[in-house]
Protein backbone atom coordinates (compact mmCIF):
# COMPACT_ATOMS: atom_id res chain seq x y z
CA UNK A 1 0.00 0.00 0.00
CA UNK A 2 1.48 3.29 -1.06
CA UNK A 3 -0.17 5.12 1.82
CA UNK A 4 1.54 2.88 4.37
CA UNK A 5 4.90 4.50 3.57
CA UNK A 6 3.54 8.07 3.34
CA UNK A 7 5.11 10.63 5.68
CA UNK A 8 3.47 13.99 6.28
CA UNK A 9 5.00 17.24 7.48
CA UNK A 10 3.97 18.51 10.88
CA UNK A 11 1.39 21.31 10.71
CA UNK A 12 2.02 24.46 12.69
CA UNK A 13 -0.54 27.18 13.41
CA UNK A 14 0.71 30.75 13.55
CA UNK A 15 -1.55 32.24 16.23
CA UNK A 16 -0.82 35.80 15.10
CA UNK A 17 -1.80 35.32 11.45
CA UNK A 18 -4.10 32.31 11.73
CA UNK A 19 -2.13 30.60 8.95
CA UNK A 20 -1.15 26.95 9.02
CA UNK A 21 2.31 26.12 7.69
CA UNK A 22 4.01 22.81 7.01
CA UNK A 23 7.21 21.94 8.87
CA UNK A 24 9.03 19.68 6.40
CA UNK A 25 11.80 19.18 8.94
CA UNK A 26 9.42 17.13 11.08
CA UNK A 27 7.87 14.31 9.07
CA UNK A 28 5.56 11.79 10.70
CA UNK A 29 4.09 8.59 9.26
CA UNK A 30 0.48 8.72 8.14
CA UNK A 31 -1.62 6.78 10.65
CA UNK A 32 -3.99 4.44 8.89
CA UNK A 33 -6.99 2.78 10.43
CA UNK A 34 -8.04 -0.76 9.64
CA UNK A 35 -8.28 -1.77 6.01
CA UNK A 36 -11.90 -2.14 4.90
CA UNK A 37 -13.22 -4.70 2.45
CA UNK A 38 -16.64 -3.96 0.94
CA UNK A 39 -18.65 -6.29 -1.26
CA UNK A 40 -21.97 -5.43 -2.87
CA UNK A 41 -24.87 -7.73 -3.61
CA UNK A 42 -28.15 -7.34 -5.44
CA UNK A 43 -31.41 -9.23 -5.29
CA UNK A 44 -32.95 -10.12 -8.64
CA UNK A 45 -36.18 -12.06 -8.27
CA UNK A 46 -35.23 -14.87 -5.84
CA UNK A 47 -31.49 -14.74 -6.65
CA UNK A 48 -28.65 -12.95 -4.89
CA UNK A 49 -25.75 -11.80 -7.06
CA UNK A 50 -22.36 -10.78 -5.67
CA UNK A 51 -20.32 -7.93 -7.17
CA UNK A 52 -22.98 -7.11 -9.77
CA UNK A 53 -22.31 -5.43 -13.10
CA UNK A 54 -24.12 -2.23 -14.10
CA UNK A 55 -26.52 -4.29 -16.20
CA UNK A 56 -27.30 -6.61 -13.27
CA UNK A 57 -27.80 -3.65 -10.94
CA UNK A 58 -30.31 -2.13 -13.35
CA UNK A 59 -32.47 -5.28 -12.96
CA UNK A 60 -32.29 -5.58 -9.20
CA UNK A 61 -35.10 -5.37 -6.69
CA UNK A 62 -32.80 -4.46 -3.78
CA UNK A 63 -29.18 -3.87 -2.87
CA UNK A 64 -26.97 -4.94 0.00
CA UNK A 65 -23.49 -3.70 0.89
CA UNK A 66 -21.41 -5.61 3.44
CA UNK A 67 -18.13 -4.23 4.80
CA UNK A 68 -15.64 -6.18 6.93
CA UNK A 69 -12.30 -5.00 8.31
CA UNK A 70 -8.87 -6.59 8.13
CA UNK A 71 -9.48 -8.39 11.44
CA UNK A 72 -12.60 -10.06 10.05
CA UNK A 73 -14.93 -7.82 12.04
CA UNK A 74 -18.26 -6.80 10.58
CA UNK A 75 -18.19 -3.03 10.04
CA UNK A 76 -21.42 -2.31 8.19
CA UNK A 77 -24.41 -3.91 6.50
CA UNK A 78 -26.41 -1.52 4.37
CA UNK A 79 -29.66 -2.75 2.86
CA UNK A 80 -31.56 -0.68 0.33
CA UNK A 81 -34.65 -1.41 -1.67
CA UNK A 82 -37.76 -3.44 -1.65
CA UNK A 83 -39.03 -4.89 1.57
CA UNK A 84 -37.80 -8.36 2.42
CA UNK A 85 -35.76 -9.05 -0.71
CA UNK A 86 -32.92 -10.41 1.47
CA UNK A 87 -33.76 -12.96 4.13
CA UNK A 88 -31.71 -13.20 7.33
CA UNK A 89 -30.12 -16.38 5.99
CA UNK A 90 -29.17 -14.63 2.75
CA UNK A 91 -27.68 -11.70 4.66
CA UNK A 92 -25.66 -14.12 6.81
CA UNK A 93 -24.44 -15.82 3.64
CA UNK A 94 -23.48 -12.45 2.13
CA UNK A 95 -21.46 -11.64 5.27
CA UNK A 96 -19.68 -15.01 4.96
CA UNK A 97 -18.96 -14.35 1.28
CA UNK A 98 -17.55 -10.90 2.12
CA UNK A 99 -15.25 -12.46 4.71
CA UNK A 100 -14.08 -15.04 2.14
CA UNK A 101 -13.54 -12.21 -0.35
CA UNK A 102 -11.41 -10.37 2.25
CA UNK A 103 -9.31 -13.48 2.87
CA UNK A 104 -8.73 -14.01 -0.86
CA UNK A 105 -7.71 -10.38 -1.35
CA UNK A 106 -5.34 -10.45 1.62
CA UNK A 107 -3.70 -13.59 0.20
CA UNK A 108 -2.57 -11.58 -2.84
CA UNK A 109 -2.35 -8.18 -1.12
CA UNK A 110 -1.03 -8.65 2.42
CA UNK A 111 -1.15 -5.76 4.89
CA UNK A 112 2.66 -5.62 5.01
CA UNK A 113 2.88 -5.12 1.25
CA UNK A 114 3.94 -1.64 0.18
CA UNK A 115 2.74 -2.03 -3.41
CA UNK A 116 -0.41 -3.26 -5.07
C-alpha atoms as a PDB file:
ATOM      1  CA  UNK A   1       0.000   0.000   0.000  1.00  0.00           C
ATOM      2  CA  UNK A   2       1.484   3.294  -1.056  1.00  0.00           C
ATOM      3  CA  UNK A   3      -0.174   5.121   1.816  1.00  0.00           C
ATOM      4  CA  UNK A   4       1.540   2.875   4.366  1.00  0.00           C
ATOM      5  CA  UNK A   5       4.896   4.497   3.565  1.00  0.00           C
ATOM      6  CA  UNK A   6       3.541   8.065   3.343  1.00  0.00           C
ATOM      7  CA  UNK A   7       5.113  10.625   5.676  1.00  0.00           C
ATOM      8  CA  UNK A   8       3.469  13.991   6.285  1.00  0.00           C
ATOM      9  CA  UNK A   9       5.002  17.240   7.476  1.00  0.00           C
ATOM     10  CA  UNK A  10       3.971  18.510  10.878  1.00  0.00           C
ATOM     11  CA  UNK A  11       1.386  21.308  10.710  1.00  0.00           C
ATOM     12  CA  UNK A  12       2.025  24.463  12.686  1.00  0.00           C
ATOM     13  CA  UNK A  13      -0.543  27.177  13.411  1.00  0.00           C
ATOM     14  CA  UNK A  14       0.708  30.748  13.554  1.00  0.00           C
ATOM     15  CA  UNK A  15      -1.548  32.237  16.231  1.00  0.00           C
ATOM     16  CA  UNK A  16      -0.819  35.805  15.102  1.00  0.00           C
ATOM     17  CA  UNK A  17      -1.798  35.319  11.454  1.00  0.00           C
ATOM     18  CA  UNK A  18      -4.101  32.313  11.725  1.00  0.00           C
ATOM     19  CA  UNK A  19      -2.128  30.600   8.949  1.00  0.00           C
ATOM     20  CA  UNK A  20      -1.152  26.948   9.022  1.00  0.00           C
ATOM     21  CA  UNK A  21       2.306  26.124   7.691  1.00  0.00           C
ATOM     22  CA  UNK A  22       4.007  22.811   7.011  1.00  0.00           C
ATOM     23  CA  UNK A  23       7.209  21.941   8.865  1.00  0.00           C
ATOM     24  CA  UNK A  24       9.028  19.684   6.403  1.00  0.00           C
ATOM     25  CA  UNK A  25      11.803  19.184   8.937  1.00  0.00           C
ATOM     26  CA  UNK A  26       9.421  17.128  11.080  1.00  0.00           C
ATOM     27  CA  UNK A  27       7.871  14.307   9.065  1.00  0.00           C
ATOM     28  CA  UNK A  28       5.561  11.786  10.699  1.00  0.00           C
ATOM     29  CA  UNK A  29       4.088   8.590   9.265  1.00  0.00           C
ATOM     30  CA  UNK A  30       0.476   8.722   8.136  1.00  0.00           C
ATOM     31  CA  UNK A  31      -1.616   6.777  10.647  1.00  0.00           C
ATOM     32  CA  UNK A  32      -3.989   4.439   8.894  1.00  0.00           C
ATOM     33  CA  UNK A  33      -6.995   2.775  10.429  1.00  0.00           C
ATOM     34  CA  UNK A  34      -8.045  -0.758   9.643  1.00  0.00           C
ATOM     35  CA  UNK A  35      -8.281  -1.766   6.006  1.00  0.00           C
ATOM     36  CA  UNK A  36     -11.900  -2.140   4.905  1.00  0.00           C
ATOM     37  CA  UNK A  37     -13.222  -4.702   2.449  1.00  0.00           C
ATOM     38  CA  UNK A  38     -16.641  -3.955   0.937  1.00  0.00           C
ATOM     39  CA  UNK A  39     -18.651  -6.290  -1.262  1.00  0.00           C
ATOM     40  CA  UNK A  40     -21.969  -5.430  -2.866  1.00  0.00           C
ATOM     41  CA  UNK A  41     -24.873  -7.730  -3.611  1.00  0.00           C
ATOM     42  CA  UNK A  42     -28.155  -7.337  -5.445  1.00  0.00           C
ATOM     43  CA  UNK A  43     -31.406  -9.229  -5.288  1.00  0.00           C
ATOM     44  CA  UNK A  44     -32.947 -10.118  -8.637  1.00  0.00           C
ATOM     45  CA  UNK A  45     -36.178 -12.065  -8.265  1.00  0.00           C
ATOM     46  CA  UNK A  46     -35.225 -14.870  -5.842  1.00  0.00           C
ATOM     47  CA  UNK A  47     -31.491 -14.740  -6.651  1.00  0.00           C
ATOM     48  CA  UNK A  48     -28.645 -12.950  -4.888  1.00  0.00           C
ATOM     49  CA  UNK A  49     -25.750 -11.801  -7.063  1.00  0.00           C
ATOM     50  CA  UNK A  50     -22.357 -10.779  -5.672  1.00  0.00           C
ATOM     51  CA  UNK A  51     -20.315  -7.926  -7.171  1.00  0.00           C
ATOM     52  CA  UNK A  52     -22.977  -7.107  -9.775  1.00  0.00           C
ATOM     53  CA  UNK A  53     -22.307  -5.426 -13.103  1.00  0.00           C
ATOM     54  CA  UNK A  54     -24.125  -2.227 -14.099  1.00  0.00           C
ATOM     55  CA  UNK A  55     -26.523  -4.292 -16.202  1.00  0.00           C
ATOM     56  CA  UNK A  56     -27.301  -6.606 -13.267  1.00  0.00           C
ATOM     57  CA  UNK A  57     -27.803  -3.650 -10.938  1.00  0.00           C
ATOM     58  CA  UNK A  58     -30.313  -2.135 -13.346  1.00  0.00           C
ATOM     59  CA  UNK A  59     -32.469  -5.276 -12.964  1.00  0.00           C
ATOM     60  CA  UNK A  60     -32.293  -5.581  -9.196  1.00  0.00           C
ATOM     61  CA  UNK A  61     -35.096  -5.371  -6.686  1.00  0.00           C
ATOM     62  CA  UNK A  62     -32.805  -4.455  -3.785  1.00  0.00           C
ATOM     63  CA  UNK A  63     -29.181  -3.872  -2.871  1.00  0.00           C
ATOM     64  CA  UNK A  64     -26.969  -4.944  -0.004  1.00  0.00           C
ATOM     65  CA  UNK A  65     -23.492  -3.701   0.888  1.00  0.00           C
ATOM     66  CA  UNK A  66     -21.413  -5.613   3.438  1.00  0.00           C
ATOM     67  CA  UNK A  67     -18.134  -4.232   4.803  1.00  0.00           C
ATOM     68  CA  UNK A  68     -15.638  -6.178   6.927  1.00  0.00           C
ATOM     69  CA  UNK A  69     -12.304  -5.000   8.313  1.00  0.00           C
ATOM     70  CA  UNK A  70      -8.866  -6.593   8.133  1.00  0.00           C
ATOM     71  CA  UNK A  71      -9.483  -8.393  11.438  1.00  0.00           C
ATOM     72  CA  UNK A  72     -12.602 -10.058  10.047  1.00  0.00           C
ATOM     73  CA  UNK A  73     -14.932  -7.824  12.039  1.00  0.00           C
ATOM     74  CA  UNK A  74     -18.260  -6.802  10.581  1.00  0.00           C
ATOM     75  CA  UNK A  75     -18.193  -3.034  10.039  1.00  0.00           C
ATOM     76  CA  UNK A  76     -21.417  -2.312   8.187  1.00  0.00           C
ATOM     77  CA  UNK A  77     -24.412  -3.907   6.499  1.00  0.00           C
ATOM     78  CA  UNK A  78     -26.410  -1.519   4.368  1.00  0.00           C
ATOM     79  CA  UNK A  79     -29.659  -2.747   2.856  1.00  0.00           C
ATOM     80  CA  UNK A  80     -31.561  -0.683   0.330  1.00  0.00           C
ATOM     81  CA  UNK A  81     -34.646  -1.411  -1.673  1.00  0.00           C
ATOM     82  CA  UNK A  82     -37.764  -3.438  -1.652  1.00  0.00           C
ATOM     83  CA  UNK A  83     -39.026  -4.893   1.567  1.00  0.00           C
ATOM     84  CA  UNK A  84     -37.804  -8.362   2.415  1.00  0.00           C
ATOM     85  CA  UNK A  85     -35.757  -9.050  -0.709  1.00  0.00           C
ATOM     86  CA  UNK A  86     -32.922 -10.409   1.466  1.00  0.00           C
ATOM     87  CA  UNK A  87     -33.761 -12.963   4.134  1.00  0.00           C
ATOM     88  CA  UNK A  88     -31.715 -13.203   7.326  1.00  0.00           C
ATOM     89  CA  UNK A  89     -30.122 -16.380   5.993  1.00  0.00           C
ATOM     90  CA  UNK A  90     -29.172 -14.633   2.746  1.00  0.00           C
ATOM     91  CA  UNK A  91     -27.682 -11.697   4.658  1.00  0.00           C
ATOM     92  CA  UNK A  92     -25.664 -14.116   6.814  1.00  0.00           C
ATOM     93  CA  UNK A  93     -24.436 -15.824   3.635  1.00  0.00           C
ATOM     94  CA  UNK A  94     -23.476 -12.446   2.130  1.00  0.00           C
ATOM     95  CA  UNK A  95     -21.462 -11.640   5.270  1.00  0.00           C
ATOM     96  CA  UNK A  96     -19.684 -15.011   4.961  1.00  0.00           C
ATOM     97  CA  UNK A  97     -18.960 -14.346   1.282  1.00  0.00           C
ATOM     98  CA  UNK A  98     -17.553 -10.904   2.120  1.00  0.00           C
ATOM     99  CA  UNK A  99     -15.251 -12.456   4.709  1.00  0.00           C
ATOM    100  CA  UNK A 100     -14.083 -15.041   2.140  1.00  0.00           C
ATOM    101  CA  UNK A 101     -13.538 -12.205  -0.353  1.00  0.00           C
ATOM    102  CA  UNK A 102     -11.414 -10.369   2.252  1.00  0.00           C
ATOM    103  CA  UNK A 103      -9.313 -13.476   2.868  1.00  0.00           C
ATOM    104  CA  UNK A 104      -8.727 -14.007  -0.864  1.00  0.00           C
ATOM    105  CA  UNK A 105      -7.705 -10.375  -1.347  1.00  0.00           C
ATOM    106  CA  UNK A 106      -5.340 -10.454   1.622  1.00  0.00           C
ATOM    107  CA  UNK A 107      -3.703 -13.593   0.203  1.00  0.00           C
ATOM    108  CA  UNK A 108      -2.566 -11.583  -2.843  1.00  0.00           C
ATOM    109  CA  UNK A 109      -2.351  -8.179  -1.120  1.00  0.00           C
ATOM    110  CA  UNK A 110      -1.027  -8.645   2.419  1.00  0.00           C
ATOM    111  CA  UNK A 111      -1.148  -5.762   4.895  1.00  0.00           C
ATOM    112  CA  UNK A 112       2.659  -5.623   5.013  1.00  0.00           C
ATOM    113  CA  UNK A 113       2.881  -5.115   1.247  1.00  0.00           C
ATOM    114  CA  UNK A 114       3.936  -1.636   0.175  1.00  0.00           C
ATOM    115  CA  UNK A 115       2.741  -2.032  -3.407  1.00  0.00           C
ATOM    116  CA  UNK A 116      -0.411  -3.259  -5.074  1.00  0.00           C
END
